[in-house]
Amino acid sequence: MRRLVMAMVPMCALLPVGSSAQEYRLSARLAAAKALTCEFTNRAMGTWTKAGTTEVETKRVPLTLGFEAVDADGGTAVVVGPFGPSDIIVRLSTGTLHFVQSYREGPLYTTSIFPSETREGKLKAVHTRHEYTEVSLPGYTSRPEQSYGECTILK
């Protein structure tokens, strides 16, 4: 019995720190997800001042995104947002589902959904927009933004 225990100790060191049965269950659900909806409520927006320093503004700005036809193995999905559907890239990495949308015009949008619940059935998520234009127009992304919220697996 002592030999069995001694043989298992090194194997326990290979387990991720802080992992739990629930994280593994949520990771498996994310890996198998085919459709999700995300609600983001708070946004941080960064900008550069005329003096060359940076500033961050935070405020409540609702944003809803849907992800359909998710194929984590094939690396494809469709995002449905304020401007309609668009084909995107999806990657599963250690239980976290990452959606990447790269525009030919320059912007890069990413959404990451983590295997951690905010509350029953809702998973922590972040949506980031890497974009910059000299002119800022209300209702359009013109500076780097990061939104925080939660997602629900629909199927």
Protein backbone atom coordinates (compact mmCIF):
# COMPACT_ATOMS: atom_id res chain seq x y z
CA MET A 1 0.00 0.00 0.00
CA ARG A 2 2.84 2.38 0.89
CA ARG A 3 4.40 1.82 -2.57
CA LEU A 4 1.09 2.63 -4.27
CA VAL A 5 0.77 5.90 -2.35
CA MET A 6 4.39 6.84 -3.10
CA ALA A 7 3.84 6.12 -6.79
CA MET A 8 0.74 8.36 -6.89
CA VAL A 9 2.31 11.39 -5.19
CA PRO A 10 4.27 12.53 -8.30
CA MET A 11 1.13 12.10 -10.42
CA CYS A 12 -0.78 14.47 -8.13
CA ALA A 13 1.81 17.17 -8.88
CA LEU A 14 0.67 17.08 -12.53
CA LEU A 15 -2.87 18.19 -11.63
CA PRO A 16 -3.60 21.89 -12.22
CA VAL A 17 -3.50 23.98 -9.05
CA GLY A 18 -6.95 25.09 -7.92
CA SER A 19 -8.72 22.72 -10.28
CA SER A 20 -11.94 21.10 -9.22
CA ALA A 21 -14.48 18.65 -10.51
CA GLN A 22 -16.74 21.57 -11.41
CA GLU A 23 -14.00 23.25 -13.50
CA TYR A 24 -13.48 20.00 -15.41
CA ARG A 25 -17.24 19.67 -15.94
CA LEU A 26 -17.48 23.27 -17.19
CA SER A 27 -14.41 22.81 -19.41
CA ALA A 28 -16.05 19.76 -20.99
CA ARG A 29 -19.29 21.69 -21.55
CA LEU A 30 -17.38 24.55 -23.21
CA ALA A 31 -15.48 22.11 -25.43
CA ALA A 32 -18.77 20.60 -26.62
CA ALA A 33 -20.71 23.88 -26.94
CA LYS A 34 -22.35 24.56 -30.31
CA ALA A 35 -24.13 27.84 -29.47
CA LEU A 36 -23.68 30.47 -26.76
CA THR A 37 -25.02 33.89 -25.89
CA CYS A 38 -23.02 36.52 -24.01
CA GLU A 39 -24.10 39.62 -22.11
CA PHE A 40 -21.42 42.18 -21.28
CA THR A 41 -22.33 45.00 -18.90
CA ASN A 42 -19.19 46.94 -18.01
CA ARG A 43 -16.57 48.36 -20.34
CA ALA A 44 -13.12 49.85 -19.91
CA MET A 45 -11.89 52.06 -22.75
CA GLY A 46 -8.29 53.20 -23.08
CA THR A 47 -6.92 56.17 -24.93
CA TRP A 48 -3.81 58.31 -25.26
CA THR A 49 -3.78 61.96 -24.21
CA LYS A 50 -2.14 64.77 -26.17
CA ALA A 51 0.67 64.63 -23.60
CA GLY A 52 1.32 61.01 -24.58
CA THR A 53 0.05 59.42 -21.37
CA THR A 54 -2.72 56.85 -21.21
CA GLU A 55 -6.13 57.08 -19.59
CA VAL A 56 -8.84 54.51 -18.91
CA GLU A 57 -12.54 55.25 -18.65
CA THR A 58 -14.96 52.68 -17.24
CA LYS A 59 -18.73 52.71 -17.57
CA ARG A 60 -21.79 50.52 -17.93
CA VAL A 61 -22.24 49.80 -21.62
CA PRO A 62 -24.41 46.79 -22.53
CA LEU A 63 -23.24 44.53 -25.35
CA THR A 64 -24.84 41.27 -26.48
CA LEU A 65 -23.04 38.73 -28.69
CA GLY A 66 -24.13 35.31 -29.90
CA PHE A 67 -21.93 32.50 -31.11
CA GLU A 68 -23.42 29.86 -33.41
CA ALA A 69 -22.18 26.85 -35.40
CA VAL A 70 -19.29 26.54 -32.94
CA ASP A 71 -16.84 23.82 -33.97
CA ALA A 72 -13.95 23.90 -31.50
CA ASP A 73 -12.25 20.92 -33.20
CA GLY A 74 -12.46 22.52 -36.65
CA GLY A 75 -11.67 26.02 -35.35
CA THR A 76 -14.73 27.75 -36.81
CA ALA A 77 -17.79 29.60 -35.54
CA VAL A 78 -20.19 32.39 -36.47
CA VAL A 79 -20.52 35.48 -34.28
CA VAL A 80 -23.81 37.39 -34.32
CA GLY A 81 -23.45 40.92 -33.01
CA PRO A 82 -24.72 44.44 -33.61
CA PHE A 83 -23.58 44.37 -37.26
CA GLY A 84 -24.92 40.91 -38.19
CA PRO A 85 -23.26 37.50 -38.56
CA SER A 86 -19.58 36.97 -39.37
CA ASP A 87 -17.37 33.90 -39.71
CA ILE A 88 -14.67 33.74 -37.04
CA ILE A 89 -11.96 31.52 -35.59
CA VAL A 90 -12.47 29.55 -32.37
CA ARG A 91 -9.80 27.91 -30.19
CA LEU A 92 -10.14 25.79 -27.08
CA SER A 93 -7.19 26.19 -24.72
CA THR A 94 -7.06 24.46 -21.32
CA GLY A 95 -10.81 24.65 -20.93
CA THR A 96 -11.15 28.29 -22.04
CA LEU A 97 -13.00 28.97 -25.29
CA HIS A 98 -11.50 31.83 -27.35
CA PHE A 99 -13.25 33.46 -30.31
CA VAL A 100 -11.11 35.59 -32.66
CA GLN A 101 -12.44 37.99 -35.27
CA SER A 102 -9.88 39.77 -37.42
CA TYR A 103 -10.99 42.41 -39.91
CA ARG A 104 -9.10 43.28 -43.09
CA GLU A 105 -9.47 46.94 -42.14
CA GLY A 106 -7.32 46.42 -39.02
CA PRO A 107 -9.47 45.78 -35.93
CA LEU A 108 -9.10 42.59 -33.91
CA TYR A 109 -11.89 41.41 -31.59
CA THR A 110 -11.54 38.55 -29.13
CA THR A 111 -13.94 36.94 -26.70
CA SER A 112 -12.77 34.50 -24.04
CA ILE A 113 -15.17 32.35 -22.03
CA PHE A 114 -13.73 30.80 -18.89
CA PRO A 115 -14.74 27.52 -17.18
CA SER A 116 -15.80 29.43 -14.07
CA GLU A 117 -19.34 30.42 -13.10
CA THR A 118 -20.48 33.86 -12.01
CA ARG A 119 -23.72 32.20 -10.92
CA GLU A 120 -25.63 29.05 -11.84
CA GLY A 121 -25.36 28.44 -15.60
CA LYS A 122 -23.45 31.67 -16.34
CA LEU A 123 -19.75 31.60 -17.24
CA LYS A 124 -17.26 34.44 -16.78
CA ALA A 125 -16.29 36.13 -20.04
CA VAL A 126 -14.34 39.05 -21.46
CA HIS A 127 -14.66 40.72 -24.89
CA THR A 128 -11.78 42.86 -26.17
CA ARG A 129 -11.63 45.19 -29.14
CA HIS A 130 -8.24 46.23 -30.46
CA GLU A 131 -9.07 49.23 -32.56
CA TYR A 132 -7.96 52.83 -32.93
CA THR A 133 -9.07 55.74 -35.10
CA GLU A 134 -8.07 59.40 -34.80
CA VAL A 135 -11.71 60.51 -34.87
CA SER A 136 -14.08 59.24 -32.19
CA LEU A 137 -17.73 58.78 -33.19
CA PRO A 138 -20.45 57.97 -30.62
CA GLY A 139 -21.73 54.40 -30.97
CA TYR A 140 -18.62 53.16 -32.81
CA THR A 141 -15.43 51.63 -31.45
CA SER A 142 -12.56 54.05 -31.95
CA ARG A 143 -10.31 53.19 -28.99
CA PRO A 144 -9.20 49.90 -27.37
CA GLU A 145 -12.01 48.45 -25.26
CA GLN A 146 -12.50 45.56 -22.87
CA SER A 147 -15.98 44.46 -21.75
CA TYR A 148 -16.77 42.16 -18.85
CA GLY A 149 -19.78 39.89 -18.46
CA GLU A 150 -21.06 36.35 -18.64
CA CYS A 151 -22.10 33.76 -21.20
CA THR A 152 -24.65 30.98 -21.32
CA ILE A 153 -24.24 27.74 -23.26
CA LEU A 154 -27.42 27.30 -25.32
CA LYS A 155 -26.54 23.94 -26.88
